[in-house]
Amino acid sequence: MSGRLPPARVAPGGLASQREPPRASPRRARQEGFSLLEVLVAFAILALTMGVLMQIFSRALSTTAVSGSFARAAELAEATLAQAGVAIPLEEGDSAGEADGGFSWALRIQRIDVGDLFPDQPPPVTPYRVTATAYWEDGGAERHVSLATLRLGDALETVGLGAGDAPTARGAGSR
């Protein structure tokens, strides 16, 4: 009987029809589609992935905001350095001010003593260390950016000074 075909079935109208496809076993019918457990696992994986992506995008946005603040602070500190010796006299001391956008600045000018490099004569110029710092608030914490440079001023006058007198810059007068 292995080589024989099953007999054709007769349709209700008396016509012979082709063979019917074999019916699926009950076990095969249960395996079509996804089970509830598979769907729940897929949703859990999707939720975890979305959570990680949201954290990445959130951190990227906050990093962009912080880098913008740092760039603005660096511009402010650079502009403050440029004012030293122009709008702000090149004399030892500290000065400070406010800027737009919640930023403030501080400028410190310190004379560098190079007298021991010129033992027989006064130095031809007076070097100053100029430090500009920009401050701002970020999430309750104070942040700052500092830039420093060396500026050369006029030579200090040392002729005719008494024992307790300090040297002054030529043309600047005494303080």
Protein backbone atom coordinates (compact mmCIF):
# COMPACT_ATOMS: atom_id res chain seq x y z
CA MET A 1 0.00 0.00 0.00
CA SER A 2 2.90 2.30 0.03
CA GLY A 3 2.61 3.29 -3.64
CA ARG A 4 -1.14 3.86 -3.76
CA LEU A 5 -2.98 7.15 -3.51
CA PRO A 6 -6.03 7.47 -1.28
CA PRO A 7 -9.33 7.41 -3.15
CA ALA A 8 -10.75 10.76 -4.28
CA ARG A 9 -13.62 12.11 -2.24
CA VAL A 10 -16.89 12.95 -3.85
CA ALA A 11 -18.25 16.42 -3.25
CA PRO A 12 -21.89 16.92 -2.24
CA GLY A 13 -22.85 17.72 -5.82
CA GLY A 14 -21.59 14.36 -6.93
CA LEU A 15 -18.37 15.70 -8.51
CA ALA A 16 -15.05 14.28 -7.57
CA SER A 17 -12.74 16.91 -6.03
CA GLN A 18 -9.06 16.89 -5.55
CA ARG A 19 -7.57 15.58 -2.39
CA GLU A 20 -7.92 17.78 0.69
CA PRO A 21 -4.73 19.01 2.26
CA PRO A 22 -3.77 17.13 5.36
CA ARG A 23 -5.09 18.67 8.53
CA ALA A 24 -2.57 20.17 10.92
CA SER A 25 -1.97 18.21 14.04
CA PRO A 26 -3.06 19.90 17.30
CA ARG A 27 0.60 20.31 18.29
CA ARG A 28 1.47 22.18 15.04
CA ALA A 29 -1.56 24.47 15.42
CA ARG A 30 -0.27 25.67 18.80
CA GLN A 31 3.14 26.64 17.39
CA GLU A 32 1.85 29.09 14.80
CA GLY A 33 2.43 32.76 15.87
CA PHE A 34 4.14 33.97 19.08
CA SER A 35 3.30 32.93 22.59
CA LEU A 36 2.41 35.49 25.24
CA LEU A 37 5.73 34.88 26.98
CA GLU A 38 7.70 35.62 23.80
CA VAL A 39 5.78 38.85 23.27
CA LEU A 40 6.40 39.94 26.89
CA VAL A 41 10.14 39.22 26.60
CA ALA A 42 10.30 41.22 23.36
CA PHE A 43 8.55 44.19 25.02
CA ALA A 44 10.91 43.99 28.02
CA ILE A 45 13.94 44.09 25.72
CA LEU A 46 12.42 47.01 23.81
CA ALA A 47 11.74 48.91 27.06
CA LEU A 48 15.32 48.41 28.29
CA THR A 49 16.72 49.55 24.95
CA MET A 50 14.52 52.65 24.93
CA GLY A 51 15.59 53.49 28.50
CA VAL A 52 19.27 53.29 27.58
CA LEU A 53 18.72 55.41 24.46
CA MET A 54 16.86 58.06 26.50
CA GLN A 55 19.77 58.26 28.96
CA ILE A 56 22.26 58.62 26.12
CA PHE A 57 20.28 61.45 24.49
CA SER A 58 19.71 63.17 27.85
CA ARG A 59 23.40 63.06 28.69
CA ALA A 60 24.28 64.36 25.20
CA LEU A 61 21.95 67.34 25.66
CA SER A 62 23.41 68.24 29.06
CA THR A 63 26.96 67.86 27.73
CA THR A 64 26.11 70.20 24.87
CA ALA A 65 24.77 72.81 27.32
CA VAL A 66 27.86 72.55 29.55
CA SER A 67 30.26 72.81 26.60
CA GLY A 68 28.39 75.93 25.43
CA SER A 69 28.86 77.49 28.87
CA PHE A 70 32.56 76.61 28.86
CA ALA A 71 32.96 78.18 25.40
CA ARG A 72 31.22 81.38 26.55
CA ALA A 73 33.40 81.50 29.68
CA ALA A 74 36.57 81.02 27.62
CA GLU A 75 35.52 83.88 25.33
CA LEU A 76 34.91 86.11 28.36
CA ALA A 77 38.28 85.23 29.92
CA GLU A 78 40.05 85.85 26.61
CA ALA A 79 38.34 89.23 26.18
CA THR A 80 39.30 90.15 29.76
CA LEU A 81 42.94 89.26 29.07
CA ALA A 82 42.86 91.46 25.98
CA GLN A 83 41.77 94.43 28.12
CA ALA A 84 44.81 94.17 30.42
CA GLY A 85 47.16 96.98 29.53
CA VAL A 86 44.53 98.64 27.31
CA ALA A 87 41.36 99.51 29.24
CA ILE A 88 42.67 98.07 32.51
CA PRO A 89 46.05 99.54 33.53
CA LEU A 90 48.96 97.13 33.69
CA GLU A 91 49.57 97.55 37.43
CA GLU A 92 49.67 94.95 40.17
CA GLY A 93 46.27 94.26 41.67
CA ASP A 94 42.91 92.59 41.24
CA SER A 95 39.76 93.73 39.46
CA ALA A 96 36.41 92.05 38.84
CA GLY A 97 33.11 92.62 37.10
CA GLU A 98 29.85 91.11 35.87
CA ALA A 99 29.01 90.01 32.34
CA ASP A 100 25.79 89.04 30.58
CA GLY A 101 24.22 85.61 30.98
CA GLY A 102 25.11 85.04 34.63
CA PHE A 103 28.87 85.17 34.09
CA SER A 104 31.36 87.17 36.14
CA TRP A 105 35.08 87.76 35.67
CA ALA A 106 38.17 88.46 37.74
CA LEU A 107 41.55 89.77 36.61
CA ARG A 108 44.76 89.46 38.62
CA ILE A 109 47.95 91.24 37.57
CA GLN A 110 51.20 90.27 39.35
CA ARG A 111 54.62 91.77 38.69
CA ILE A 112 57.36 89.20 38.12
CA ASP A 113 60.69 90.13 39.69
CA VAL A 114 63.52 89.65 37.19
CA GLY A 115 66.03 91.98 38.89
CA ASP A 116 68.44 89.15 39.64
CA LEU A 117 68.71 88.48 35.88
CA PHE A 118 70.05 92.03 35.39
CA PRO A 119 72.46 92.62 38.30
CA ASP A 120 74.28 95.65 36.82
CA GLN A 121 71.33 97.54 35.32
CA PRO A 122 67.57 97.80 35.66
CA PRO A 123 65.54 95.41 33.48
CA PRO A 124 64.55 96.91 30.12
CA VAL A 125 60.91 95.89 30.65
CA THR A 126 58.69 94.80 33.52
CA PRO A 127 57.01 91.41 33.05
CA TYR A 128 53.54 90.85 34.52
CA ARG A 129 51.63 87.62 34.93
CA VAL A 130 48.04 88.35 33.95
CA THR A 131 45.35 85.81 34.94
CA ALA A 132 41.73 86.16 33.84
CA THR A 133 39.05 83.92 35.32
CA ALA A 134 35.40 83.63 34.25
CA TYR A 135 32.85 82.25 36.75
CA TRP A 136 29.28 80.95 36.35
CA GLU A 137 26.69 78.81 38.14
CA ASP A 138 25.84 75.42 36.66
CA GLY A 139 23.29 73.29 38.46
CA GLY A 140 24.12 74.73 41.87
CA ALA A 141 27.89 74.33 41.44
CA GLU A 142 30.21 77.21 40.63
CA ARG A 143 32.39 76.55 37.61
CA HIS A 144 35.27 78.60 36.27
CA VAL A 145 37.72 78.90 33.40
CA SER A 146 41.11 80.56 33.93
CA LEU A 147 43.53 81.81 31.29
CA ALA A 148 46.96 83.28 32.01
CA THR A 149 49.54 85.10 29.95
CA LEU A 150 52.70 87.16 30.30
CA ARG A 151 52.56 90.87 29.47
CA LEU A 152 55.50 93.24 29.28
CA GLY A 153 55.17 96.72 30.71
CA ASP A 154 57.43 99.75 30.88
CA ALA A 155 60.73 99.45 32.72
CA LEU A 156 60.65 100.29 36.42
CA GLU A 157 62.45 103.43 37.61
CA THR A 158 64.99 102.72 40.33
CA VAL A 159 67.06 105.92 40.16
CA GLY A 160 66.85 108.17 43.22
CA LEU A 161 64.81 105.85 45.42
CA GLY A 162 65.30 105.76 49.14
CA ALA A 163 65.61 102.62 51.25
CA GLY A 164 61.85 102.10 51.80
CA ASP A 165 60.58 103.21 48.40
CA ALA A 166 59.16 100.73 45.88
CA PRO A 167 60.06 100.98 42.21
CA THR A 168 57.37 102.36 39.89
CA ALA A 169 56.81 102.00 36.18
CA ARG A 170 58.12 104.87 34.07
CA GLY A 171 55.33 107.22 33.14
CA ALA A 172 52.83 105.56 35.50
CA GLY A 173 53.71 107.63 38.60
CA SER A 174 53.69 106.28 42.12
CA ARG A 175 50.69 104.70 43.77
